[in-house]
């Protein structure tokens, strides 16, 4: 093992990536995830004070009263004003409070029909 060296410019991923669970309380949030060509999640008025570290790889929407049925790869994230979020239902033109927006990628189903309470 002493003679083995890592390849140049090779990155290694954590074998145990983290999953962010977002609580989905409104139909607007569900639409942004399930009925959007480019699914995304946006935070409420209170955005996290710290966000984004290299082991955070997935986002799981927890739908109020139902649970979790799938999770998504996190493509990217940004903090932007609410009235600048594209394709968000009921975009509030007067709401310039900042929100955390998480852009989602591939969906992984946990169960095709059932939600899992966690």
PDB file of N, CA and C in Angstrom:
ATOM      1  N   UNK A   1       0.811  -1.199   0.000  1.00  0.00           N
ATOM      2  CA  UNK A   1       0.000   0.000   0.000  1.00  0.00           C
ATOM      3  C   UNK A   1       0.853   1.262   0.000  1.00  0.00           C
ATOM      4  N   UNK A   2       2.056   1.207   0.508  1.00  0.00           N
ATOM      5  CA  UNK A   2       2.893   2.401   0.549  1.00  0.00           C
ATOM      6  C   UNK A   2       3.283   2.868  -0.844  1.00  0.00           C
ATOM      7  N   UNK A   3       3.273   1.959  -1.816  1.00  0.00           N
ATOM      8  CA  UNK A   3       3.656   2.324  -3.173  1.00  0.00           C
ATOM      9  C   UNK A   3       2.494   2.855  -3.996  1.00  0.00           C
ATOM     10  N   UNK A   4       1.291   2.858  -3.452  1.00  0.00           N
ATOM     11  CA  UNK A   4       0.105   3.317  -4.172  1.00  0.00           C
ATOM     12  C   UNK A   4      -0.074   4.809  -3.934  1.00  0.00           C
ATOM     13  N   UNK A   5      -0.232   5.563  -5.016  1.00  0.00           N
ATOM     14  CA  UNK A   5      -0.467   7.003  -4.883  1.00  0.00           C
ATOM     15  C   UNK A   5      -1.722   7.367  -5.653  1.00  0.00           C
ATOM     16  N   UNK A   6      -2.461   8.356  -5.167  1.00  0.00           N
ATOM     17  CA  UNK A   6      -3.682   8.758  -5.872  1.00  0.00           C
ATOM     18  C   UNK A   6      -3.361   9.371  -7.231  1.00  0.00           C
ATOM     19  N   UNK A   7      -4.275   9.209  -8.163  1.00  0.00           N
ATOM     20  CA  UNK A   7      -4.100   9.774  -9.489  1.00  0.00           C
ATOM     21  C   UNK A   7      -4.230  11.298  -9.433  1.00  0.00           C
ATOM     22  N   UNK A   8      -3.482  11.971 -10.249  1.00  0.00           N
ATOM     23  CA  UNK A   8      -3.575  13.428 -10.311  1.00  0.00           C
ATOM     24  C   UNK A   8      -4.961  13.834 -10.782  1.00  0.00           C
ATOM     25  N   UNK A   9      -5.448  14.902 -10.189  1.00  0.00           N
ATOM     26  CA  UNK A   9      -6.733  15.500 -10.545  1.00  0.00           C
ATOM     27  C   UNK A   9      -7.907  14.540 -10.381  1.00  0.00           C
ATOM     28  N   UNK A  10      -7.787  13.561  -9.530  1.00  0.00           N
ATOM     29  CA  UNK A  10      -8.880  12.645  -9.238  1.00  0.00           C
ATOM     30  C   UNK A  10      -9.543  13.098  -7.949  1.00  0.00           C
ATOM     31  N   UNK A  11     -10.846  13.144  -7.954  1.00  0.00           N
ATOM     32  CA  UNK A  11     -11.550  13.505  -6.726  1.00  0.00           C
ATOM     33  C   UNK A  11     -12.212  12.255  -6.172  1.00  0.00           C
ATOM     34  N   UNK A  12     -12.287  12.208  -4.872  1.00  0.00           N
ATOM     35  CA  UNK A  12     -12.870  11.067  -4.201  1.00  0.00           C
ATOM     36  C   UNK A  12     -14.117  11.514  -3.475  1.00  0.00           C
ATOM     37  N   UNK A  13     -15.198  10.753  -3.622  1.00  0.00           N
ATOM     38  CA  UNK A  13     -16.450  11.101  -2.969  1.00  0.00           C
ATOM     39  C   UNK A  13     -16.576  10.378  -1.647  1.00  0.00           C
ATOM     40  N   UNK A  14     -17.341  10.974  -0.773  1.00  0.00           N
ATOM     41  CA  UNK A  14     -17.603  10.361   0.514  1.00  0.00           C
ATOM     42  C   UNK A  14     -18.467   9.115   0.305  1.00  0.00           C
ATOM     43  N   UNK A  15     -18.145   8.007   0.983  1.00  0.00           N
ATOM     44  CA  UNK A  15     -18.986   6.819   0.841  1.00  0.00           C
ATOM     45  C   UNK A  15     -20.328   6.977   1.565  1.00  0.00           C
ATOM     46  N   UNK A  16     -20.465   8.007   2.388  1.00  0.00           N
ATOM     47  CA  UNK A  16     -21.693   8.242   3.137  1.00  0.00           C
ATOM     48  C   UNK A  16     -22.166   9.678   2.940  1.00  0.00           C
ATOM     49  N   UNK A  17     -22.740   9.987   1.782  1.00  0.00           N
ATOM     50  CA  UNK A  17     -23.184  11.365   1.559  1.00  0.00           C
ATOM     51  C   UNK A  17     -24.370  11.720   2.451  1.00  0.00           C
ATOM     52  N   UNK A  18     -24.535  13.001   2.693  1.00  0.00           N
ATOM     53  CA  UNK A  18     -25.622  13.488   3.525  1.00  0.00           C
ATOM     54  C   UNK A  18     -26.854  13.785   2.684  1.00  0.00           C
ATOM     55  N   UNK A  19     -28.018  13.690   3.331  1.00  0.00           N
ATOM     56  CA  UNK A  19     -29.299  13.994   2.695  1.00  0.00           C
ATOM     57  C   UNK A  19     -29.944  15.127   3.484  1.00  0.00           C
ATOM     58  N   UNK A  20     -30.342  16.179   2.782  1.00  0.00           N
ATOM     59  CA  UNK A  20     -31.093  17.271   3.391  1.00  0.00           C
ATOM     60  C   UNK A  20     -32.569  16.942   3.249  1.00  0.00           C
ATOM     61  N   UNK A  21     -33.301  16.991   4.348  1.00  0.00           N
ATOM     62  CA  UNK A  21     -34.739  16.749   4.302  1.00  0.00           C
ATOM     63  C   UNK A  21     -35.442  18.094   4.399  1.00  0.00           C
ATOM     64  N   UNK A  22     -36.228  18.410   3.390  1.00  0.00           N
ATOM     65  CA  UNK A  22     -36.977  19.663   3.355  1.00  0.00           C
ATOM     66  C   UNK A  22     -38.443  19.394   3.615  1.00  0.00           C
ATOM     67  N   UNK A  23     -39.013  20.142   4.517  1.00  0.00           N
ATOM     68  CA  UNK A  23     -40.421  19.958   4.856  1.00  0.00           C
ATOM     69  C   UNK A  23     -41.282  20.738   3.867  1.00  0.00           C
ATOM     70  N   UNK A  24     -42.146  20.022   3.166  1.00  0.00           N
ATOM     71  CA  UNK A  24     -43.009  20.579   2.137  1.00  0.00           C
ATOM     72  C   UNK A  24     -44.398  20.740   2.731  1.00  0.00           C
ATOM     73  N   UNK A  25     -44.821  21.993   2.896  1.00  0.00           N
ATOM     74  CA  UNK A  25     -46.104  22.232   3.549  1.00  0.00           C
ATOM     75  C   UNK A  25     -47.179  22.765   2.618  1.00  0.00           C
ATOM     76  N   UNK A  26     -46.800  23.237   1.448  1.00  0.00           N
ATOM     77  CA  UNK A  26     -47.792  23.851   0.563  1.00  0.00           C
ATOM     78  C   UNK A  26     -47.793  23.189  -0.809  1.00  0.00           C
ATOM     79  N   UNK A  27     -48.902  23.352  -1.516  1.00  0.00           N
ATOM     80  CA  UNK A  27     -48.996  22.851  -2.886  1.00  0.00           C
ATOM     81  C   UNK A  27     -48.011  23.556  -3.803  1.00  0.00           C
ATOM     82  N   UNK A  28     -47.686  24.821  -3.512  1.00  0.00           N
ATOM     83  CA  UNK A  28     -46.717  25.550  -4.339  1.00  0.00           C
ATOM     84  C   UNK A  28     -45.363  24.852  -4.342  1.00  0.00           C
ATOM     85  N   UNK A  29     -44.932  24.400  -3.177  1.00  0.00           N
ATOM     86  CA  UNK A  29     -43.656  23.693  -3.100  1.00  0.00           C
ATOM     87  C   UNK A  29     -43.711  22.358  -3.840  1.00  0.00           C
ATOM     88  N   UNK A  30     -44.830  21.651  -3.718  1.00  0.00           N
ATOM     89  CA  UNK A  30     -44.978  20.374  -4.409  1.00  0.00           C
ATOM     90  C   UNK A  30     -44.905  20.587  -5.919  1.00  0.00           C
ATOM     91  N   UNK A  31     -45.545  21.642  -6.425  1.00  0.00           N
ATOM     92  CA  UNK A  31     -45.521  21.938  -7.856  1.00  0.00           C
ATOM     93  C   UNK A  31     -44.112  22.204  -8.352  1.00  0.00           C
ATOM     94  N   UNK A  32     -43.319  22.904  -7.545  1.00  0.00           N
ATOM     95  CA  UNK A  32     -41.947  23.234  -7.948  1.00  0.00           C
ATOM     96  C   UNK A  32     -41.088  21.988  -8.091  1.00  0.00           C
ATOM     97  N   UNK A  33     -41.406  20.954  -7.336  1.00  0.00           N
ATOM     98  CA  UNK A  33     -40.614  19.728  -7.375  1.00  0.00           C
ATOM     99  C   UNK A  33     -41.186  18.727  -8.372  1.00  0.00           C
ATOM    100  N   UNK A  34     -42.482  18.481  -8.305  1.00  0.00           N
ATOM    101  CA  UNK A  34     -43.073  17.403  -9.089  1.00  0.00           C
ATOM    102  C   UNK A  34     -43.550  17.820 -10.476  1.00  0.00           C
ATOM    103  N   UNK A  35     -43.916  19.069 -10.671  1.00  0.00           N
ATOM    104  CA  UNK A  35     -44.504  19.491 -11.946  1.00  0.00           C
ATOM    105  C   UNK A  35     -43.633  20.495 -12.688  1.00  0.00           C
ATOM    106  N   UNK A  36     -42.363  20.487 -12.419  1.00  0.00           N
ATOM    107  CA  UNK A  36     -41.467  21.452 -13.042  1.00  0.00           C
ATOM    108  C   UNK A  36     -40.479  20.724 -13.950  1.00  0.00           C
ATOM    109  N   UNK A  37     -40.194  21.331 -15.104  1.00  0.00           N
ATOM    110  CA  UNK A  37     -39.214  20.750 -16.014  1.00  0.00           C
ATOM    111  C   UNK A  37     -37.834  20.696 -15.364  1.00  0.00           C
ATOM    112  N   UNK A  38     -37.502  21.729 -14.607  1.00  0.00           N
ATOM    113  CA  UNK A  38     -36.262  21.768 -13.829  1.00  0.00           C
ATOM    114  C   UNK A  38     -36.656  21.869 -12.360  1.00  0.00           C
ATOM    115  N   UNK A  39     -36.802  20.732 -11.688  1.00  0.00           N
ATOM    116  CA  UNK A  39     -37.306  20.762 -10.316  1.00  0.00           C
ATOM    117  C   UNK A  39     -36.390  21.534  -9.367  1.00  0.00           C
ATOM    118  N   UNK A  40     -37.015  22.199  -8.406  1.00  0.00           N
ATOM    119  CA  UNK A  40     -36.267  22.965  -7.417  1.00  0.00           C
ATOM    120  C   UNK A  40     -37.071  23.081  -6.140  1.00  0.00           C
ATOM    121  N   UNK A  41     -36.388  23.433  -5.087  1.00  0.00           N
ATOM    122  CA  UNK A  41     -36.984  23.674  -3.780  1.00  0.00           C
ATOM    123  C   UNK A  41     -36.520  25.046  -3.332  1.00  0.00           C
ATOM    124  N   UNK A  42     -37.415  25.814  -2.717  1.00  0.00           N
ATOM    125  CA  UNK A  42     -36.983  27.090  -2.155  1.00  0.00           C
ATOM    126  C   UNK A  42     -37.407  27.185  -0.708  1.00  0.00           C
ATOM    127  N   UNK A  43     -36.560  27.822   0.086  1.00  0.00           N
ATOM    128  CA  UNK A  43     -36.806  27.925   1.524  1.00  0.00           C
ATOM    129  C   UNK A  43     -37.866  28.969   1.800  1.00  0.00           C
ATOM    130  N   UNK A  44     -38.313  28.975   3.038  1.00  0.00           N
ATOM    131  CA  UNK A  44     -39.255  29.987   3.489  1.00  0.00           C
ATOM    132  C   UNK A  44     -38.510  31.263   3.858  1.00  0.00           C
ATOM    133  N   UNK A  45     -39.149  32.090   4.677  1.00  0.00           N
ATOM    134  CA  UNK A  45     -38.544  33.363   5.079  1.00  0.00           C
ATOM    135  C   UNK A  45     -37.217  33.168   5.784  1.00  0.00           C
ATOM    136  N   UNK A  46     -37.097  32.101   6.539  1.00  0.00           N
ATOM    137  CA  UNK A  46     -35.862  31.842   7.275  1.00  0.00           C
ATOM    138  C   UNK A  46     -35.014  30.873   6.473  1.00  0.00           C
ATOM    139  N   UNK A  47     -33.906  31.360   5.970  1.00  0.00           N
ATOM    140  CA  UNK A  47     -32.998  30.489   5.228  1.00  0.00           C
ATOM    141  C   UNK A  47     -31.905  30.011   6.174  1.00  0.00           C
ATOM    142  N   UNK A  48     -31.289  28.873   5.866  1.00  0.00           N
ATOM    143  CA  UNK A  48     -30.238  28.363   6.748  1.00  0.00           C
ATOM    144  C   UNK A  48     -29.075  29.344   6.850  1.00  0.00           C
ATOM    145  N   UNK A  49     -28.494  29.440   8.030  1.00  0.00           N
ATOM    146  CA  UNK A  49     -27.340  30.330   8.199  1.00  0.00           C
ATOM    147  C   UNK A  49     -26.101  29.718   7.567  1.00  0.00           C
ATOM    148  N   UNK A  50     -26.041  28.392   7.526  1.00  0.00           N
ATOM    149  CA  UNK A  50     -24.946  27.690   6.868  1.00  0.00           C
ATOM    150  C   UNK A  50     -25.557  26.650   5.945  1.00  0.00           C
ATOM    151  N   UNK A  51     -24.990  26.537   4.759  1.00  0.00           N
ATOM    152  CA  UNK A  51     -25.497  25.544   3.819  1.00  0.00           C
ATOM    153  C   UNK A  51     -24.400  25.230   2.819  1.00  0.00           C
ATOM    154  N   UNK A  52     -24.385  23.988   2.394  1.00  0.00           N
ATOM    155  CA  UNK A  52     -23.492  23.587   1.321  1.00  0.00           C
ATOM    156  C   UNK A  52     -22.135  23.134   1.795  1.00  0.00           C
ATOM    157  N   UNK A  53     -22.003  21.870   1.988  1.00  0.00           N
ATOM    158  CA  UNK A  53     -20.701  21.305   2.239  1.00  0.00           C
ATOM    159  C   UNK A  53     -20.566  20.076   1.355  1.00  0.00           C
ATOM    160  N   UNK A  54     -19.348  19.645   1.123  1.00  0.00           N
ATOM    161  CA  UNK A  54     -19.099  18.683   0.049  1.00  0.00           C
ATOM    162  C   UNK A  54     -19.799  17.344   0.208  1.00  0.00           C
ATOM    163  N   UNK A  55     -20.164  16.944   1.414  1.00  0.00           N
ATOM    164  CA  UNK A  55     -20.823  15.656   1.592  1.00  0.00           C
ATOM    165  C   UNK A  55     -22.339  15.721   1.408  1.00  0.00           C
ATOM    166  N   UNK A  56     -22.906  16.918   1.237  1.00  0.00           N
ATOM    167  CA  UNK A  56     -24.339  17.054   1.022  1.00  0.00           C
ATOM    168  C   UNK A  56     -24.630  16.794  -0.455  1.00  0.00           C
ATOM    169  N   UNK A  57     -25.262  15.666  -0.739  1.00  0.00           N
ATOM    170  CA  UNK A  57     -25.464  15.237  -2.129  1.00  0.00           C
ATOM    171  C   UNK A  57     -26.925  15.125  -2.537  1.00  0.00           C
ATOM    172  N   UNK A  58     -27.826  14.924  -1.558  1.00  0.00           N
ATOM    173  CA  UNK A  58     -29.206  14.613  -1.895  1.00  0.00           C
ATOM    174  C   UNK A  58     -30.186  15.483  -1.115  1.00  0.00           C
ATOM    175  N   UNK A  59     -31.368  15.631  -1.701  1.00  0.00           N
ATOM    176  CA  UNK A  59     -32.471  16.355  -1.076  1.00  0.00           C
ATOM    177  C   UNK A  59     -33.687  15.432  -1.077  1.00  0.00           C
ATOM    178  N   UNK A  60     -34.336  15.286   0.085  1.00  0.00           N
ATOM    179  CA  UNK A  60     -35.539  14.457   0.197  1.00  0.00           C
ATOM    180  C   UNK A  60     -36.699  15.332   0.657  1.00  0.00           C
ATOM    181  N   UNK A  61     -37.709  15.519  -0.200  1.00  0.00           N
ATOM    182  CA  UNK A  61     -38.869  16.298   0.224  1.00  0.00           C
ATOM    183  C   UNK A  61     -39.770  15.481   1.150  1.00  0.00           C
ATOM    184  N   UNK A  62     -40.025  16.025   2.330  1.00  0.00           N
ATOM    185  CA  UNK A  62     -40.931  15.400   3.295  1.00  0.00           C
ATOM    186  C   UNK A  62     -42.254  16.145   3.194  1.00  0.00           C
ATOM    187  N   UNK A  63     -43.256  15.493   2.610  1.00  0.00           N
ATOM    188  CA  UNK A  63     -44.545  16.131   2.388  1.00  0.00           C
ATOM    189  C   UNK A  63     -45.390  15.988   3.645  1.00  0.00           C
ATOM    190  N   UNK A  64     -45.840  17.123   4.138  1.00  0.00           N
ATOM    191  CA  UNK A  64     -46.580  17.178   5.407  1.00  0.00           C
ATOM    192  C   UNK A  64     -47.738  16.190   5.406  1.00  0.00           C
ATOM    193  N   UNK A  65     -47.781  15.362   6.452  1.00  0.00           N
ATOM    194  CA  UNK A  65     -48.853  14.398   6.616  1.00  0.00           C
ATOM    195  C   UNK A  65     -48.708  13.131   5.791  1.00  0.00           C
ATOM    196  N   UNK A  66     -47.679  13.065   4.931  1.00  0.00           N
ATOM    197  CA  UNK A  66     -47.524  11.900   4.065  1.00  0.00           C
ATOM    198  C   UNK A  66     -46.183  11.199   4.257  1.00  0.00           C
ATOM    199  N   UNK A  67     -45.090  11.951   4.265  1.00  0.00           N
ATOM    200  CA  UNK A  67     -43.766  11.364   4.420  1.00  0.00           C
ATOM    201  C   UNK A  67     -42.892  11.592   3.204  1.00  0.00           C
ATOM    202  N   UNK A  68     -41.976  10.659   2.951  1.00  0.00           N
ATOM    203  CA  UNK A  68     -41.001  10.754   1.858  1.00  0.00           C
ATOM    204  C   UNK A  68     -41.205   9.584   0.915  1.00  0.00           C
ATOM    205  N   UNK A  69     -41.268   9.852  -0.391  1.00  0.00           N
ATOM    206  CA  UNK A  69     -41.371   8.746  -1.350  1.00  0.00           C
ATOM    207  C   UNK A  69     -40.171   8.685  -2.285  1.00  0.00           C
ATOM    208  N   UNK A  70     -39.365   9.763  -2.317  1.00  0.00           N
ATOM    209  CA  UNK A  70     -38.205   9.783  -3.199  1.00  0.00           C
ATOM    210  C   UNK A  70     -37.198  10.811  -2.697  1.00  0.00           C
ATOM    211  N   UNK A  71     -36.025  10.792  -3.311  1.00  0.00           N
ATOM    212  CA  UNK A  71     -35.017  11.801  -3.034  1.00  0.00           C
ATOM    213  C   UNK A  71     -34.349  12.181  -4.348  1.00  0.00           C
ATOM    214  N   UNK A  72     -33.680  13.319  -4.371  1.00  0.00           N
ATOM    215  CA  UNK A  72     -33.109  13.884  -5.587  1.00  0.00           C
ATOM    216  C   UNK A  72     -31.637  14.222  -5.392  1.00  0.00           C
ATOM    217  N   UNK A  73     -30.887  14.146  -6.465  1.00  0.00           N
ATOM    218  CA  UNK A  73     -29.524  14.665  -6.439  1.00  0.00           C
ATOM    219  C   UNK A  73     -29.601  16.180  -6.363  1.00  0.00           C
ATOM    220  N   UNK A  74     -28.698  16.787  -5.633  1.00  0.00           N
ATOM    221  CA  UNK A  74     -28.604  18.250  -5.604  1.00  0.00           C
ATOM    222  C   UNK A  74     -27.637  18.658  -6.704  1.00  0.00           C
ATOM    223  N   UNK A  75     -28.134  19.435  -7.665  1.00  0.00           N
ATOM    224  CA  UNK A  75     -27.315  19.913  -8.768  1.00  0.00           C
ATOM    225  C   UNK A  75     -26.539  21.155  -8.351  1.00  0.00           C
ATOM    226  N   UNK A  76     -27.252  22.124  -7.797  1.00  0.00           N
ATOM    227  CA  UNK A  76     -26.625  23.364  -7.340  1.00  0.00           C
ATOM    228  C   UNK A  76     -27.593  24.079  -6.406  1.00  0.00           C
ATOM    229  N   UNK A  77     -27.123  25.175  -5.857  1.00  0.00           N
ATOM    230  CA  UNK A  77     -27.969  25.982  -4.988  1.00  0.00           C
ATOM    231  C   UNK A  77     -27.503  27.429  -5.064  1.00  0.00           C
ATOM    232  N   UNK A  78     -28.411  28.316  -4.714  1.00  0.00           N
ATOM    233  CA  UNK A  78     -28.085  29.741  -4.696  1.00  0.00           C
ATOM    234  C   UNK A  78     -29.057  30.457  -3.775  1.00  0.00           C
ATOM    235  N   UNK A  79     -28.675  31.620  -3.351  1.00  0.00           N
ATOM    236  CA  UNK A  79     -29.557  32.459  -2.557  1.00  0.00           C
ATOM    237  C   UNK A  79     -29.950  33.637  -3.435  1.00  0.00           C
ATOM    238  N   UNK A  80     -31.249  33.732  -3.716  1.00  0.00           N
ATOM    239  CA  UNK A  80     -31.765  34.811  -4.554  1.00  0.00           C
ATOM    240  C   UNK A  80     -33.055  35.350  -3.943  1.00  0.00           C
ATOM    241  N   UNK A  81     -33.470  36.492  -4.432  1.00  0.00           N
ATOM    242  CA  UNK A  81     -34.703  37.103  -3.936  1.00  0.00           C
ATOM    243  C   UNK A  81     -35.913  36.321  -4.443  1.00  0.00           C
ATOM    244  N   UNK A  82     -36.932  36.278  -3.613  1.00  0.00           N
ATOM    245  CA  UNK A  82     -38.136  35.492  -3.920  1.00  0.00           C
ATOM    246  C   UNK A  82     -38.756  35.900  -5.250  1.00  0.00           C
ATOM    247  N   UNK A  83     -38.786  37.180  -5.531  1.00  0.00           N
ATOM    248  CA  UNK A  83     -39.412  37.636  -6.772  1.00  0.00           C
ATOM    249  C   UNK A  83     -38.553  37.354  -8.016  1.00  0.00           C
ATOM    250  N   UNK A  84     -37.354  36.806  -7.830  1.00  0.00           N
ATOM    251  CA  UNK A  84     -36.487  36.467  -8.964  1.00  0.00           C
ATOM    252  C   UNK A  84     -36.435  34.964  -9.241  1.00  0.00           C
ATOM    253  N   UNK A  85     -37.179  34.186  -8.465  1.00  0.00           N
ATOM    254  CA  UNK A  85     -37.190  32.735  -8.688  1.00  0.00           C
ATOM    255  C   UNK A  85     -38.019  32.456  -9.938  1.00  0.00           C
ATOM    256  N   UNK A  86     -37.371  31.919 -10.954  1.00  0.00           N
ATOM    257  CA  UNK A  86     -38.046  31.622 -12.217  1.00  0.00           C
ATOM    258  C   UNK A  86     -38.880  30.354 -12.091  1.00  0.00           C
ATOM    259  N   UNK A  87     -40.019  30.334 -12.737  1.00  0.00           N
ATOM    260  CA  UNK A  87     -40.917  29.171 -12.801  1.00  0.00           C
ATOM    261  C   UNK A  87     -41.545  28.801 -11.462  1.00  0.00           C
ATOM    262  N   UNK A  88     -41.471  29.683 -10.496  1.00  0.00           N
ATOM    263  CA  UNK A  88     -42.125  29.409  -9.217  1.00  0.00           C
ATOM    264  C   UNK A  88     -43.578  29.839  -9.294  1.00  0.00           C
ATOM    265  N   UNK A  89     -44.488  28.996  -8.842  1.00  0.00           N
ATOM    266  CA  UNK A  89     -45.891  29.414  -8.850  1.00  0.00           C
ATOM    267  C   UNK A  89     -46.098  30.577  -7.893  1.00  0.00           C
ATOM    268  N   UNK A  90     -47.005  31.445  -8.234  1.00  0.00           N
ATOM    269  CA  UNK A  90     -47.341  32.594  -7.395  1.00  0.00           C
ATOM    270  C   UNK A  90     -46.116  33.431  -7.031  1.00  0.00           C
ATOM    271  N   UNK A  91     -45.311  33.736  -8.027  1.00  0.00           N
ATOM    272  CA  UNK A  91     -44.146  34.575  -7.768  1.00  0.00           C
ATOM    273  C   UNK A  91     -44.626  35.921  -7.256  1.00  0.00           C
ATOM    274  N   UNK A  92     -44.130  36.302  -6.114  1.00  0.00           N
ATOM    275  CA  UNK A  92     -44.537  37.547  -5.490  1.00  0.00           C
ATOM    276  C   UNK A  92     -43.637  38.668  -5.980  1.00  0.00           C
ATOM    277  N   UNK A  93     -44.181  39.560  -6.789  1.00  0.00           N
ATOM    278  CA  UNK A  93     -43.375  40.623  -7.379  1.00  0.00           C
ATOM    279  C   UNK A  93     -42.892  41.615  -6.332  1.00  0.00           C
ATOM    280  N   UNK A  94     -43.575  41.720  -5.212  1.00  0.00           N
ATOM    281  CA  UNK A  94     -43.156  42.664  -4.176  1.00  0.00           C
ATOM    282  C   UNK A  94     -42.296  42.013  -3.095  1.00  0.00           C
ATOM    283  N   UNK A  95     -42.105  40.721  -3.153  1.00  0.00           N
ATOM    284  CA  UNK A  95     -41.353  40.014  -2.118  1.00  0.00           C
ATOM    285  C   UNK A  95     -39.882  39.939  -2.526  1.00  0.00           C
ATOM    286  N   UNK A  96     -39.046  40.763  -1.920  1.00  0.00           N
ATOM    287  CA  UNK A  96     -37.629  40.746  -2.257  1.00  0.00           C
ATOM    288  C   UNK A  96     -36.775  40.139  -1.137  1.00  0.00           C
ATOM    289  N   UNK A  97     -37.413  39.338  -0.267  1.00  0.00           N
ATOM    290  CA  UNK A  97     -36.674  38.608   0.767  1.00  0.00           C
ATOM    291  C   UNK A  97     -35.866  37.491   0.099  1.00  0.00           C
ATOM    292  N   UNK A  98     -34.672  37.253   0.606  1.00  0.00           N
ATOM    293  CA  UNK A  98     -33.827  36.222   0.031  1.00  0.00           C
ATOM    294  C   UNK A  98     -34.291  34.828   0.440  1.00  0.00           C
ATOM    295  N   UNK A  99     -34.163  33.893  -0.490  1.00  0.00           N
ATOM    296  CA  UNK A  99     -34.518  32.500  -0.265  1.00  0.00           C
ATOM    297  C   UNK A  99     -33.357  31.618  -0.736  1.00  0.00           C
ATOM    298  N   UNK A 100     -33.223  30.469  -0.103  1.00  0.00           N
ATOM    299  CA  UNK A 100     -32.300  29.453  -0.582  1.00  0.00           C
ATOM    300  C   UNK A 100     -33.041  28.651  -1.641  1.00  0.00           C
ATOM    301  N   UNK A 101     -32.473  28.544  -2.837  1.00  0.00           N
ATOM    302  CA  UNK A 101     -33.063  27.762  -3.922  1.00  0.00           C
ATOM    303  C   UNK A 101     -32.120  26.598  -4.211  1.00  0.00           C
ATOM    304  N   UNK A 102     -32.652  25.383  -4.164  1.00  0.00           N
ATOM    305  CA  UNK A 102     -31.868  24.178  -4.431  1.00  0.00           C
ATOM    306  C   UNK A 102     -32.368  23.586  -5.742  1.00  0.00           C
ATOM    307  N   UNK A 103     -31.484  23.519  -6.730  1.00  0.00           N
ATOM    308  CA  UNK A 103     -31.840  22.948  -8.032  1.00  0.00           C
ATOM    309  C   UNK A 103     -31.593  21.448  -7.970  1.00  0.00           C
ATOM    310  N   UNK A 104     -32.603  20.680  -8.369  1.00  0.00           N
ATOM    311  CA  UNK A 104     -32.598  19.231  -8.194  1.00  0.00           C
ATOM    312  C   UNK A 104     -32.384  18.500  -9.509  1.00  0.00           C
ATOM    313  N   UNK A 105     -31.737  17.348  -9.416  1.00  0.00           N
ATOM    314  CA  UNK A 105     -31.464  16.524 -10.594  1.00  0.00           C
ATOM    315  C   UNK A 105     -32.271  15.243 -10.582  1.00  0.00           C
ATOM    316  N   UNK A 106     -31.582  14.143 -10.792  1.00  0.00           N
ATOM    317  CA  UNK A 106     -32.222  12.836 -10.915  1.00  0.00           C
ATOM    318  C   UNK A 106     -32.998  12.463  -9.657  1.00  0.00           C
ATOM    319  N   UNK A 107     -34.191  11.926  -9.885  1.00  0.00           N
ATOM    320  CA  UNK A 107     -35.040  11.470  -8.783  1.00  0.00           C
ATOM    321  C   UNK A 107     -34.824   9.972  -8.564  1.00  0.00           C
ATOM    322  N   UNK A 108     -34.723   9.590  -7.298  1.00  0.00           N
ATOM    323  CA  UNK A 108     -34.611   8.191  -6.908  1.00  0.00           C
ATOM    324  C   UNK A 108     -35.833   7.835  -6.079  1.00  0.00           C
ATOM    325  N   UNK A 109     -36.659   6.924  -6.586  1.00  0.00           N
ATOM    326  CA  UNK A 109     -37.864   6.517  -5.866  1.00  0.00           C
ATOM    327  C   UNK A 109     -37.514   5.526  -4.773  1.00  0.00           C
ATOM    328  N   UNK A 110     -38.044   5.761  -3.597  1.00  0.00           N
ATOM    329  CA  UNK A 110     -37.888   4.827  -2.490  1.00  0.00           C
ATOM    330  C   UNK A 110     -38.941   3.740  -2.624  1.00  0.00           C
ATOM    331  N   UNK A 111     -40.150   4.153  -2.965  1.00  0.00           N
ATOM    332  CA  UNK A 111     -41.255   3.227  -3.162  1.00  0.00           C
ATOM    333  C   UNK A 111     -42.195   3.883  -4.168  1.00  0.00           C
ATOM    334  N   UNK A 112     -42.639   3.164  -5.154  1.00  0.00           N
ATOM    335  CA  UNK A 112     -43.444   3.751  -6.222  1.00  0.00           C
ATOM    336  C   UNK A 112     -44.791   4.288  -5.751  1.00  0.00           C
ATOM    337  N   UNK A 113     -45.377   3.691  -4.741  1.00  0.00           N
ATOM    338  CA  UNK A 113     -46.715   4.104  -4.329  1.00  0.00           C
ATOM    339  C   UNK A 113     -46.793   4.617  -2.907  1.00  0.00           C
ATOM    340  N   UNK A 114     -45.943   4.119  -2.058  1.00  0.00           N
ATOM    341  CA  UNK A 114     -46.071   4.421  -0.643  1.00  0.00           C
ATOM    342  C   UNK A 114     -45.090   5.480  -0.185  1.00  0.00           C
ATOM    343  N   UNK A 115     -45.540   6.309   0.711  1.00  0.00           N
ATOM    344  CA  UNK A 115     -44.672   7.263   1.370  1.00  0.00           C
ATOM    345  C   UNK A 115     -44.095   6.587   2.601  1.00  0.00           C
ATOM    346  N   UNK A 116     -42.876   6.955   2.948  1.00  0.00           N
ATOM    347  CA  UNK A 116     -42.232   6.419   4.146  1.00  0.00           C
ATOM    348  C   UNK A 116     -42.176   7.515   5.189  1.00  0.00           C
ATOM    349  N   UNK A 117     -42.796   7.291   6.349  1.00  0.00           N
ATOM    350  CA  UNK A 117     -42.707   8.233   7.440  1.00  0.00           C
ATOM    351  C   UNK A 117     -41.353   8.069   8.120  1.00  0.00           C
ATOM    352  N   UNK A 118     -40.694   9.201   8.319  1.00  0.00           N
ATOM    353  CA  UNK A 118     -39.375   9.154   8.967  1.00  0.00           C
ATOM    354  C   UNK A 118     -39.371  10.046  10.184  1.00  0.00           C
TER     355      UNK A 118
END
